[in-house]
Amino acid sequence: MISVIVKDEETTVGMLTVDEKQFKTGSRGYFGVGKVKIGEKRYQAQVQLVEIGSKPQKDSQPSS
């Protein structure tokens, strides 16, 4: 699990935790959602971290 801090200027307004995820595309990474409050308004936030190069490569050989 990874924690992501959300700041408005220098003020921390939220922290999201993201868990490991295997995406439908085959890529690996982390994903999480949460809510943060900035001023008097609330927002839904999402964080997606995708490992570059983690998506399985398709076979470049044509099938017979």
Protein backbone atom coordinates (compact mmCIF):
# COMPACT_ATOMS: atom_id res chain seq x y z
CA MET A 1 0.00 0.00 0.00
CA ILE A 2 1.18 3.50 -0.87
CA SER A 3 -0.09 6.78 0.59
CA VAL A 4 -0.51 9.88 -1.58
CA ILE A 5 -0.78 13.26 0.17
CA VAL A 6 -3.02 15.90 -1.46
CA LYS A 7 -2.07 19.51 -0.73
CA ASP A 8 -3.62 22.91 -1.41
CA GLU A 9 -0.58 25.17 -1.43
CA GLU A 10 1.21 24.00 1.74
CA THR A 11 -1.89 22.72 3.56
CA THR A 12 -2.57 18.98 3.52
CA VAL A 13 -6.22 18.51 2.54
CA GLY A 14 -6.30 14.74 2.22
CA MET A 15 -4.44 11.50 1.94
CA LEU A 16 -5.33 8.64 -0.37
CA THR A 17 -4.09 5.11 0.00
CA VAL A 18 -3.53 3.16 -3.17
CA ASP A 19 -3.28 -0.61 -3.45
CA GLU A 20 -1.55 -2.80 -6.01
CA LYS A 21 -3.68 -3.46 -9.07
CA GLN A 22 -3.51 -5.60 -12.18
CA PHE A 23 -5.34 -3.51 -14.80
CA LYS A 24 -7.61 -5.07 -17.44
CA THR A 25 -5.02 -4.15 -20.07
CA GLY A 26 -2.48 -6.39 -18.33
CA SER A 27 -0.46 -3.48 -16.95
CA ARG A 28 0.53 -3.46 -13.28
CA GLY A 29 0.43 -0.56 -10.88
CA TYR A 30 -1.54 1.07 -8.07
CA PHE A 31 -5.03 2.56 -7.85
CA GLY A 32 -7.12 4.29 -5.20
CA VAL A 33 -10.03 6.69 -4.70
CA GLY A 34 -11.04 8.95 -1.86
CA LYS A 35 -12.53 12.29 -0.88
CA VAL A 36 -10.75 15.52 -0.03
CA LYS A 37 -12.02 18.86 1.25
CA ILE A 38 -10.63 22.08 -0.22
CA GLY A 39 -12.07 25.14 1.46
CA GLU A 40 -15.77 24.42 1.97
CA LYS A 41 -16.07 22.10 -1.04
CA ARG A 42 -15.61 18.31 -1.11
CA TYR A 43 -14.07 16.51 -4.06
CA GLN A 44 -13.72 12.91 -5.12
CA ALA A 45 -10.14 12.12 -6.12
CA GLN A 46 -8.52 9.17 -7.81
CA VAL A 47 -4.90 8.17 -8.17
CA GLN A 48 -3.57 5.78 -10.79
CA LEU A 49 0.08 4.79 -11.02
CA VAL A 50 0.97 2.54 -13.95
CA GLU A 51 4.34 0.81 -14.13
CA ILE A 52 5.90 1.81 -17.44
CA GLY A 53 6.58 -1.24 -19.59
CA SER A 54 4.48 -3.61 -17.46
CA LYS A 55 1.89 -4.31 -20.14
CA PRO A 56 2.50 -7.72 -21.73
CA GLN A 57 3.69 -7.40 -25.31
CA LYS A 58 1.63 -9.03 -28.04
CA ASP A 59 3.33 -11.65 -30.15
CA SER A 60 4.59 -9.95 -33.33
CA GLN A 61 4.55 -13.32 -35.17
CA PRO A 62 1.57 -13.71 -37.50
CA SER A 63 -0.46 -16.83 -36.71
CA SER A 64 -0.66 -19.49 -39.40
